[in-house]
N, C-alpha and C. Protein backbone atom coordinates (compact mmCIF):
# COMPACT_ATOMS: atom_id res chain seq x y z
N UNK A 1 -18.35 -4.84 -4.76
CA UNK A 1 -17.45 -5.67 -3.95
C UNK A 1 -16.00 -5.28 -4.25
N UNK A 2 -15.24 -5.06 -3.20
CA UNK A 2 -13.84 -4.70 -3.41
C UNK A 2 -13.03 -5.95 -3.73
N UNK A 3 -11.97 -5.75 -4.50
CA UNK A 3 -11.09 -6.85 -4.87
C UNK A 3 -10.02 -7.01 -3.79
N UNK A 4 -9.85 -8.25 -3.34
CA UNK A 4 -8.78 -8.59 -2.40
C UNK A 4 -8.03 -9.76 -3.02
N UNK A 5 -6.79 -9.51 -3.41
CA UNK A 5 -6.01 -10.55 -4.09
C UNK A 5 -5.46 -11.55 -3.08
N UNK A 6 -5.57 -12.83 -3.43
CA UNK A 6 -5.22 -13.88 -2.48
C UNK A 6 -3.72 -14.05 -2.30
N UNK A 7 -2.91 -13.58 -3.24
CA UNK A 7 -1.46 -13.80 -3.14
C UNK A 7 -0.72 -12.66 -2.46
N UNK A 8 -1.46 -11.72 -1.85
CA UNK A 8 -0.84 -10.57 -1.22
C UNK A 8 -1.04 -10.62 0.29
N UNK A 9 -0.25 -9.82 1.01
CA UNK A 9 -0.45 -9.59 2.44
C UNK A 9 -0.98 -8.17 2.60
N UNK A 10 -1.62 -7.90 3.73
CA UNK A 10 -2.29 -6.62 3.93
C UNK A 10 -2.01 -6.07 5.34
N UNK A 11 -2.10 -4.73 5.45
CA UNK A 11 -1.94 -4.06 6.74
C UNK A 11 -3.30 -3.53 7.20
N UNK A 12 -3.38 -3.18 8.48
CA UNK A 12 -4.62 -2.62 9.01
C UNK A 12 -4.85 -1.20 8.51
N UNK A 13 -3.82 -0.60 7.91
CA UNK A 13 -3.99 0.74 7.32
C UNK A 13 -4.23 0.63 5.80
N UNK A 14 -4.55 -0.58 5.34
CA UNK A 14 -5.01 -0.83 3.97
C UNK A 14 -3.92 -0.69 2.90
N UNK A 15 -2.68 -1.05 3.27
CA UNK A 15 -1.66 -1.21 2.25
C UNK A 15 -1.56 -2.69 1.90
N UNK A 16 -1.21 -2.97 0.64
CA UNK A 16 -0.96 -4.36 0.25
C UNK A 16 0.54 -4.55 0.04
N UNK A 17 0.96 -5.80 0.18
CA UNK A 17 2.37 -6.15 0.10
C UNK A 17 2.52 -7.41 -0.76
N UNK A 18 3.44 -7.35 -1.71
CA UNK A 18 3.80 -8.53 -2.49
C UNK A 18 5.27 -8.81 -2.21
N UNK A 19 5.57 -10.01 -1.74
CA UNK A 19 6.93 -10.36 -1.34
C UNK A 19 7.67 -11.01 -2.50
N UNK A 20 8.91 -10.58 -2.71
CA UNK A 20 9.79 -11.18 -3.70
C UNK A 20 11.18 -11.27 -3.07
N UNK A 21 11.46 -12.41 -2.44
CA UNK A 21 12.74 -12.56 -1.73
C UNK A 21 12.78 -11.62 -0.54
N UNK A 22 13.80 -10.75 -0.48
CA UNK A 22 13.91 -9.82 0.64
C UNK A 22 13.40 -8.43 0.28
N UNK A 23 12.66 -8.35 -0.83
CA UNK A 23 12.10 -7.07 -1.28
C UNK A 23 10.58 -7.21 -1.36
N UNK A 24 9.89 -6.13 -1.01
CA UNK A 24 8.45 -6.12 -1.19
C UNK A 24 8.07 -5.00 -2.15
N UNK A 25 6.98 -5.22 -2.85
CA UNK A 25 6.31 -4.16 -3.60
C UNK A 25 5.05 -3.86 -2.80
N UNK A 26 4.70 -2.58 -2.68
CA UNK A 26 3.50 -2.24 -1.91
C UNK A 26 2.67 -1.19 -2.62
N UNK A 27 1.42 -1.13 -2.23
CA UNK A 27 0.50 -0.11 -2.73
C UNK A 27 -0.66 0.00 -1.77
N UNK A 28 -1.71 0.69 -2.19
CA UNK A 28 -2.91 0.77 -1.36
C UNK A 28 -3.96 -0.17 -1.92
N UNK A 29 -4.76 -0.72 -1.04
CA UNK A 29 -5.73 -1.74 -1.45
C UNK A 29 -6.90 -1.14 -2.22
N UNK A 30 -7.63 -2.02 -2.88
CA UNK A 30 -8.83 -1.61 -3.60
C UNK A 30 -9.83 -0.98 -2.64
N UNK A 31 -9.94 -1.54 -1.43
CA UNK A 31 -10.84 -0.97 -0.41
C UNK A 31 -10.43 0.47 -0.11
N UNK A 32 -9.12 0.70 0.09
CA UNK A 32 -8.64 2.05 0.42
C UNK A 32 -8.97 3.04 -0.68
N UNK A 33 -8.70 2.66 -1.94
CA UNK A 33 -8.99 3.61 -3.02
C UNK A 33 -10.48 3.86 -3.15
N UNK A 34 -11.31 2.85 -2.89
CA UNK A 34 -12.76 3.06 -3.02
C UNK A 34 -13.28 3.97 -1.90
N UNK A 35 -12.68 3.86 -0.72
CA UNK A 35 -13.07 4.72 0.40
C UNK A 35 -12.60 6.16 0.17
N UNK A 36 -11.41 6.30 -0.40
CA UNK A 36 -10.84 7.64 -0.62
C UNK A 36 -11.56 8.41 -1.73
N UNK A 37 -12.03 7.69 -2.74
CA UNK A 37 -12.61 8.37 -3.90
C UNK A 37 -11.52 8.74 -4.89
N UNK A 38 -11.77 9.73 -5.72
CA UNK A 38 -10.84 10.06 -6.80
C UNK A 38 -9.51 10.57 -6.25
N UNK A 39 -8.46 9.81 -6.52
CA UNK A 39 -7.12 10.17 -6.05
C UNK A 39 -6.57 11.31 -6.91
N UNK A 40 -6.08 12.34 -6.24
CA UNK A 40 -5.61 13.53 -6.96
C UNK A 40 -4.12 13.81 -6.80
N UNK A 41 -3.48 13.22 -5.77
CA UNK A 41 -2.08 13.56 -5.50
C UNK A 41 -1.44 12.45 -4.69
N UNK A 42 -0.17 12.17 -4.99
CA UNK A 42 0.62 11.21 -4.23
C UNK A 42 1.98 11.80 -3.94
N UNK A 43 2.47 11.57 -2.74
CA UNK A 43 3.83 11.94 -2.38
C UNK A 43 4.51 10.68 -1.88
N UNK A 44 5.60 10.29 -2.55
CA UNK A 44 6.30 9.06 -2.21
C UNK A 44 7.76 9.35 -1.86
N UNK A 45 8.38 8.48 -1.07
CA UNK A 45 9.79 8.67 -0.74
C UNK A 45 10.69 8.37 -1.94
N UNK A 46 11.91 8.86 -1.86
CA UNK A 46 12.90 8.63 -2.93
C UNK A 46 13.68 7.35 -2.64
N UNK A 47 14.19 6.69 -3.70
CA UNK A 47 15.08 5.54 -3.48
C UNK A 47 16.25 5.94 -2.58
N UNK A 48 16.60 5.03 -1.69
CA UNK A 48 17.68 5.29 -0.75
C UNK A 48 17.19 5.74 0.61
N UNK A 49 15.94 6.21 0.68
CA UNK A 49 15.39 6.64 1.97
C UNK A 49 15.05 5.41 2.82
N UNK A 50 15.26 5.55 4.12
CA UNK A 50 14.89 4.49 5.06
C UNK A 50 13.44 4.68 5.50
N UNK A 51 12.74 3.57 5.70
CA UNK A 51 11.37 3.61 6.20
C UNK A 51 11.26 2.66 7.38
N UNK A 52 10.31 2.94 8.26
CA UNK A 52 10.12 2.15 9.48
C UNK A 52 8.71 1.58 9.48
N UNK A 53 8.60 0.31 9.85
CA UNK A 53 7.30 -0.34 9.89
C UNK A 53 6.31 0.47 10.71
N UNK A 54 5.11 0.63 10.16
CA UNK A 54 3.98 1.33 10.78
C UNK A 54 4.16 2.85 10.87
N UNK A 55 5.24 3.38 10.29
CA UNK A 55 5.44 4.83 10.25
C UNK A 55 5.05 5.35 8.86
N UNK A 56 4.59 6.60 8.76
CA UNK A 56 4.23 7.14 7.45
C UNK A 56 5.43 7.18 6.50
N UNK A 57 5.20 6.81 5.25
CA UNK A 57 6.25 6.93 4.24
C UNK A 57 5.85 7.87 3.11
N UNK A 58 4.58 8.23 3.05
CA UNK A 58 4.12 9.12 2.00
C UNK A 58 2.71 9.60 2.30
N UNK A 59 2.16 10.31 1.32
CA UNK A 59 0.83 10.89 1.47
C UNK A 59 0.02 10.58 0.22
N UNK A 60 -1.26 10.27 0.42
CA UNK A 60 -2.19 10.10 -0.69
C UNK A 60 -3.35 11.06 -0.46
N UNK A 61 -3.70 11.82 -1.49
CA UNK A 61 -4.79 12.77 -1.36
C UNK A 61 -5.86 12.46 -2.39
N UNK A 62 -7.10 12.67 -1.96
CA UNK A 62 -8.23 12.48 -2.86
C UNK A 62 -9.12 13.70 -2.76
N UNK A 63 -10.20 13.68 -3.52
CA UNK A 63 -11.15 14.78 -3.44
C UNK A 63 -11.79 14.85 -2.05
N UNK A 64 -11.77 13.73 -1.30
CA UNK A 64 -12.39 13.69 0.02
C UNK A 64 -11.43 13.99 1.16
N UNK A 65 -10.19 13.50 1.06
CA UNK A 65 -9.31 13.55 2.23
C UNK A 65 -7.85 13.35 1.84
N UNK A 66 -6.97 13.71 2.76
CA UNK A 66 -5.55 13.38 2.65
C UNK A 66 -5.24 12.37 3.73
N UNK A 67 -4.48 11.35 3.38
CA UNK A 67 -4.14 10.29 4.33
C UNK A 67 -2.67 9.96 4.21
N UNK A 68 -2.09 9.53 5.33
CA UNK A 68 -0.74 9.02 5.28
C UNK A 68 -0.75 7.62 4.68
N UNK A 69 0.35 7.26 4.03
CA UNK A 69 0.60 5.90 3.59
C UNK A 69 1.64 5.35 4.55
N UNK A 70 1.37 4.20 5.14
CA UNK A 70 2.24 3.64 6.17
C UNK A 70 3.10 2.52 5.60
N UNK A 71 4.33 2.47 6.07
CA UNK A 71 5.24 1.42 5.62
C UNK A 71 4.89 0.10 6.30
N UNK A 72 4.69 -0.95 5.51
CA UNK A 72 4.36 -2.25 6.11
C UNK A 72 5.56 -2.94 6.74
N UNK A 73 6.77 -2.50 6.39
CA UNK A 73 8.00 -3.12 6.89
C UNK A 73 9.06 -2.04 7.11
N UNK A 74 10.11 -2.40 7.81
CA UNK A 74 11.27 -1.54 7.97
C UNK A 74 12.29 -1.90 6.90
N UNK A 75 12.88 -0.88 6.29
CA UNK A 75 13.88 -1.16 5.27
C UNK A 75 14.25 0.08 4.50
N UNK A 76 14.70 -0.13 3.26
CA UNK A 76 15.15 0.96 2.41
C UNK A 76 14.37 0.96 1.11
N UNK A 77 13.94 2.14 0.70
CA UNK A 77 13.25 2.29 -0.57
C UNK A 77 14.24 2.00 -1.70
N UNK A 78 13.91 1.04 -2.56
CA UNK A 78 14.79 0.75 -3.70
C UNK A 78 14.21 1.28 -5.00
N UNK A 79 12.90 1.52 -5.03
CA UNK A 79 12.28 2.06 -6.23
C UNK A 79 10.95 2.72 -5.86
N UNK A 80 10.67 3.84 -6.51
CA UNK A 80 9.37 4.50 -6.36
C UNK A 80 8.73 4.55 -7.74
N UNK A 81 7.44 4.41 -7.80
CA UNK A 81 6.72 4.39 -9.07
C UNK A 81 6.39 5.82 -9.50
N UNK A 82 7.29 6.41 -10.29
CA UNK A 82 7.09 7.79 -10.75
C UNK A 82 5.85 7.93 -11.63
N UNK A 83 5.50 6.87 -12.34
CA UNK A 83 4.33 6.96 -13.23
C UNK A 83 3.05 7.19 -12.44
N UNK A 84 2.94 6.58 -11.26
CA UNK A 84 1.73 6.76 -10.46
C UNK A 84 1.70 8.15 -9.83
N UNK A 85 2.87 8.73 -9.56
CA UNK A 85 2.92 10.10 -9.05
C UNK A 85 2.43 11.06 -10.13
N UNK A 86 2.82 10.79 -11.38
CA UNK A 86 2.39 11.63 -12.50
C UNK A 86 0.91 11.42 -12.85
N UNK A 87 0.38 10.24 -12.55
CA UNK A 87 -1.02 9.93 -12.88
C UNK A 87 -1.67 9.26 -11.66
N UNK A 88 -1.89 10.02 -10.57
CA UNK A 88 -2.40 9.41 -9.33
C UNK A 88 -3.75 8.74 -9.48
N UNK A 89 -4.52 9.13 -10.48
CA UNK A 89 -5.83 8.49 -10.69
C UNK A 89 -5.69 7.01 -11.03
N UNK A 90 -4.49 6.56 -11.44
CA UNK A 90 -4.31 5.13 -11.73
C UNK A 90 -4.48 4.28 -10.48
N UNK A 91 -4.33 4.87 -9.29
CA UNK A 91 -4.60 4.12 -8.06
C UNK A 91 -6.07 3.68 -8.03
N UNK A 92 -6.96 4.51 -8.56
CA UNK A 92 -8.38 4.15 -8.59
C UNK A 92 -8.65 3.02 -9.58
N UNK A 93 -7.98 3.05 -10.73
CA UNK A 93 -8.30 2.09 -11.78
C UNK A 93 -7.52 0.79 -11.66
N UNK A 94 -6.33 0.83 -11.06
CA UNK A 94 -5.48 -0.36 -11.02
C UNK A 94 -4.63 -0.40 -9.75
N UNK A 95 -5.27 -0.50 -8.57
CA UNK A 95 -4.50 -0.38 -7.33
C UNK A 95 -3.47 -1.48 -7.12
N UNK A 96 -3.67 -2.66 -7.71
CA UNK A 96 -2.75 -3.77 -7.47
C UNK A 96 -1.72 -3.96 -8.58
N UNK A 97 -1.94 -3.40 -9.73
CA UNK A 97 -1.06 -3.67 -10.86
C UNK A 97 -0.25 -2.44 -11.25
N UNK A 98 -0.83 -1.57 -12.05
CA UNK A 98 -0.10 -0.39 -12.53
C UNK A 98 0.27 0.56 -11.41
N UNK A 99 -0.55 0.64 -10.38
CA UNK A 99 -0.39 1.69 -9.37
C UNK A 99 0.31 1.21 -8.09
N UNK A 100 1.27 0.27 -8.23
CA UNK A 100 2.10 -0.02 -7.06
C UNK A 100 2.83 1.28 -6.71
N UNK A 101 3.21 1.43 -5.46
CA UNK A 101 3.79 2.70 -5.02
C UNK A 101 5.31 2.65 -4.87
N UNK A 102 5.80 1.76 -4.03
CA UNK A 102 7.24 1.67 -3.81
C UNK A 102 7.67 0.23 -3.64
N UNK A 103 8.97 0.00 -3.84
CA UNK A 103 9.60 -1.28 -3.53
C UNK A 103 10.56 -1.03 -2.38
N UNK A 104 10.51 -1.92 -1.39
CA UNK A 104 11.31 -1.76 -0.18
C UNK A 104 12.15 -3.02 0.04
N UNK A 105 13.47 -2.82 0.23
CA UNK A 105 14.35 -3.92 0.64
C UNK A 105 14.23 -4.03 2.15
N UNK A 106 13.73 -5.18 2.62
CA UNK A 106 13.42 -5.35 4.04
C UNK A 106 14.68 -5.58 4.86
N UNK A 107 14.74 -4.94 6.02
CA UNK A 107 15.83 -5.23 6.94
C UNK A 107 15.49 -6.45 7.81
N UNK A 108 14.21 -6.77 7.94
CA UNK A 108 13.77 -7.93 8.71
C UNK A 108 12.59 -8.58 8.01
N UNK A 109 12.86 -9.53 7.08
CA UNK A 109 11.78 -10.15 6.31
C UNK A 109 10.71 -10.83 7.16
N UNK A 110 11.01 -11.17 8.41
CA UNK A 110 9.99 -11.83 9.24
C UNK A 110 8.84 -10.88 9.58
N UNK A 111 9.03 -9.57 9.36
CA UNK A 111 7.93 -8.63 9.63
C UNK A 111 6.71 -8.94 8.77
N UNK A 112 6.93 -9.50 7.60
CA UNK A 112 5.81 -9.83 6.71
C UNK A 112 4.88 -10.86 7.36
N UNK A 113 5.46 -11.73 8.21
CA UNK A 113 4.64 -12.76 8.85
C UNK A 113 3.55 -12.17 9.73
N UNK A 114 3.76 -10.94 10.20
CA UNK A 114 2.78 -10.29 11.06
C UNK A 114 1.66 -9.59 10.29
N UNK A 115 1.75 -9.58 8.96
CA UNK A 115 0.71 -8.93 8.15
C UNK A 115 -0.42 -9.90 7.89
N UNK A 116 -1.59 -9.37 7.61
CA UNK A 116 -2.77 -10.21 7.36
C UNK A 116 -2.69 -10.89 5.99
N UNK A 117 -3.15 -12.14 5.93
CA UNK A 117 -3.35 -12.77 4.63
C UNK A 117 -4.70 -12.30 4.08
N UNK A 118 -5.03 -12.74 2.88
CA UNK A 118 -6.23 -12.23 2.22
C UNK A 118 -7.51 -12.54 3.00
N UNK A 119 -7.58 -13.72 3.62
CA UNK A 119 -8.79 -14.09 4.37
C UNK A 119 -8.96 -13.20 5.59
N UNK A 120 -7.86 -12.95 6.31
CA UNK A 120 -7.92 -12.10 7.49
C UNK A 120 -8.26 -10.66 7.08
N UNK A 121 -7.68 -10.22 5.97
CA UNK A 121 -7.95 -8.85 5.52
C UNK A 121 -9.40 -8.69 5.08
N UNK A 122 -9.93 -9.69 4.40
CA UNK A 122 -11.33 -9.64 3.97
C UNK A 122 -12.25 -9.50 5.18
N UNK A 123 -11.97 -10.25 6.23
CA UNK A 123 -12.76 -10.17 7.46
C UNK A 123 -12.60 -8.78 8.09
N UNK A 124 -11.37 -8.27 8.12
CA UNK A 124 -11.08 -6.93 8.68
C UNK A 124 -11.86 -5.85 7.93
N UNK A 125 -11.87 -5.93 6.60
CA UNK A 125 -12.59 -4.94 5.79
C UNK A 125 -14.09 -5.02 6.07
N UNK A 126 -14.62 -6.22 6.18
CA UNK A 126 -16.05 -6.37 6.46
C UNK A 126 -16.41 -5.75 7.80
N UNK A 127 -15.56 -5.96 8.79
CA UNK A 127 -15.83 -5.42 10.12
C UNK A 127 -15.66 -3.90 10.13
N UNK A 128 -14.60 -3.42 9.48
CA UNK A 128 -14.33 -1.99 9.50
C UNK A 128 -15.25 -1.23 8.57
N UNK A 129 -15.49 -1.79 7.39
CA UNK A 129 -16.27 -1.09 6.38
C UNK A 129 -17.78 -1.23 6.57
N UNK A 130 -18.18 -2.25 7.29
CA UNK A 130 -19.60 -2.46 7.50
C UNK A 130 -20.35 -2.79 6.23
N UNK A 131 -19.61 -3.32 5.21
CA UNK A 131 -20.26 -3.61 3.93
C UNK A 131 -20.80 -5.03 3.93
């Protein structure tokens, strides 16, 4: 069973979002890492770069596939997790804690309201994953 944390918001492309004022921390969900398999490489934006909601902001590669990572909100990257870039396998072991990817200062905090809560995401995963 994949872990879905109740205090986070989720996207249909399987990113998670934790809101702290006008800044979010984001990463990929437990479902995403389990589907991808062993993560081997991450490419993340640098602080100061602008990102747009639903547009790619980075790349995650595994032994199975390479996938884009999509920005859940529009804003500016304020921090990237260099430790996870150096040890991408941490996404497999700790997708919600150690392996957060970037922090984004939102230009429109109301965008978070359009993201799924944990109950909606759990239903989405069941429908999409067929588990």
